[in-house]
Amino acid sequence: MCQFELARVLGQVFEKLAKRLETCHCHEHVWAARMPYKTRAKKLTQETGAAKCVWKTRMGPWFAAVGLDEFLNSIQTCSSDMLQQLLDDVPAPVRAGLL
């Protein structure tokens, strides 16, 4: 059970990175908003007059300069209440193998 929760928590870290890589610095506030894609695209058009941004999905330089360290730190520090509870129930030698 512990492995499943660890996989779920790590999946959230990967999802957050994927979403960040799909944005652009200039309109991150639009792309990161919690609303349907069509609504975000419409908002971008209203704000800029353009339906697309040439920089969208081109976050590779950011990832190389800043994102990789943030991502690795997120992997090392990610957790959840459920994961902590499950890890408390696992014997120390097994826990060391998981982490």
Protein backbone atom coordinates (compact mmCIF):
# COMPACT_ATOMS: atom_id res chain seq x y z
CA MET A 1 0.00 0.00 0.00
CA CYS A 2 2.86 2.33 0.84
CA GLN A 3 4.34 1.98 -2.66
CA PHE A 4 1.04 3.00 -4.23
CA GLU A 5 0.80 6.16 -2.15
CA LEU A 6 4.43 7.00 -2.93
CA ALA A 7 3.70 6.54 -6.64
CA ARG A 8 0.63 8.80 -6.35
CA VAL A 9 2.61 11.53 -4.58
CA LEU A 10 5.45 11.33 -7.13
CA GLY A 11 2.85 11.43 -9.90
CA GLN A 12 1.63 14.77 -8.55
CA VAL A 13 5.20 16.13 -8.73
CA PHE A 14 5.50 14.99 -12.36
CA GLU A 15 2.09 16.44 -13.22
CA LYS A 16 3.06 19.81 -11.75
CA LEU A 17 6.27 19.83 -13.81
CA ALA A 18 4.40 18.86 -16.99
CA LYS A 19 1.90 21.67 -16.48
CA ARG A 20 4.72 24.16 -15.91
CA LEU A 21 6.52 23.04 -19.07
CA GLU A 22 3.31 23.56 -21.07
CA THR A 23 3.06 27.24 -20.09
CA CYS A 24 5.05 30.34 -21.05
CA HIS A 25 6.55 32.99 -18.78
CA CYS A 26 4.59 35.80 -20.37
CA HIS A 27 1.13 34.23 -19.84
CA GLU A 28 1.71 31.78 -17.02
CA HIS A 29 -1.11 33.35 -15.00
CA VAL A 30 -3.54 32.39 -17.78
CA TRP A 31 -2.26 28.87 -18.45
CA ALA A 32 -1.91 27.97 -14.76
CA ALA A 33 -5.48 29.02 -13.91
CA ARG A 34 -7.85 26.25 -12.86
CA MET A 35 -10.36 26.44 -15.69
CA PRO A 36 -11.07 24.53 -18.90
CA TYR A 37 -8.57 24.92 -21.74
CA LYS A 38 -11.10 26.68 -23.99
CA THR A 39 -11.74 29.27 -21.29
CA ARG A 40 -8.01 29.86 -20.79
CA ALA A 41 -7.47 30.19 -24.54
CA LYS A 42 -10.35 32.66 -24.79
CA LYS A 43 -8.90 34.68 -21.89
CA LEU A 44 -5.51 34.76 -23.64
CA THR A 45 -7.15 36.07 -26.81
CA GLN A 46 -9.00 38.73 -24.83
CA GLU A 47 -5.83 39.87 -23.04
CA THR A 48 -3.41 39.78 -25.96
CA GLY A 49 -5.45 39.79 -29.14
CA ALA A 50 -3.68 36.58 -30.20
CA ALA A 51 -4.98 33.05 -29.91
CA LYS A 52 -1.54 31.58 -29.22
CA CYS A 53 1.80 32.60 -27.74
CA VAL A 54 4.93 31.62 -29.60
CA TRP A 55 6.64 30.86 -26.27
CA LYS A 56 4.00 28.39 -25.03
CA THR A 57 5.60 24.95 -24.39
CA ARG A 58 9.10 26.37 -24.84
CA MET A 59 10.20 26.21 -21.21
CA GLY A 60 13.32 24.13 -21.86
CA PRO A 61 15.74 26.97 -20.99
CA TRP A 62 13.86 27.61 -17.74
CA PHE A 63 14.02 23.90 -16.91
CA ALA A 64 17.76 23.78 -17.57
CA ALA A 65 18.47 26.91 -15.52
CA VAL A 66 16.01 26.60 -12.63
CA GLY A 67 13.43 23.88 -13.12
CA LEU A 68 15.64 20.82 -12.79
CA ASP A 69 16.80 21.80 -9.31
CA GLU A 70 13.21 22.62 -8.28
CA PHE A 71 12.01 19.30 -9.69
CA LEU A 72 14.69 17.25 -7.93
CA ASN A 73 14.00 19.08 -4.67
CA SER A 74 10.27 18.38 -5.08
CA ILE A 75 10.97 14.67 -5.55
CA GLN A 76 13.11 14.58 -2.41
CA THR A 77 10.64 16.48 -0.24
CA CYS A 78 7.23 15.34 -1.54
CA SER A 79 4.94 13.66 0.94
CA SER A 80 1.37 13.34 2.12
CA ASP A 81 -0.31 12.64 5.44
CA MET A 82 -1.29 9.21 4.19
CA LEU A 83 2.28 8.43 3.10
CA GLN A 84 3.66 9.51 6.47
CA GLN A 85 1.13 7.32 8.27
CA LEU A 86 1.90 4.33 6.05
CA LEU A 87 5.66 4.82 6.45
CA ASP A 88 5.28 4.89 10.23
CA ASP A 89 3.79 1.38 10.03
CA VAL A 90 6.67 -0.02 7.92
CA PRO A 91 9.72 -1.53 9.67
CA ALA A 92 12.83 0.66 9.49
CA PRO A 93 14.91 -1.59 7.15
CA VAL A 94 12.03 -1.81 4.64
CA ARG A 95 11.36 1.95 4.94
CA ALA A 96 15.00 2.69 4.06
CA GLY A 97 14.61 0.65 0.89
CA LEU A 98 11.51 2.59 -0.13
CA LEU A 99 13.01 5.99 0.41
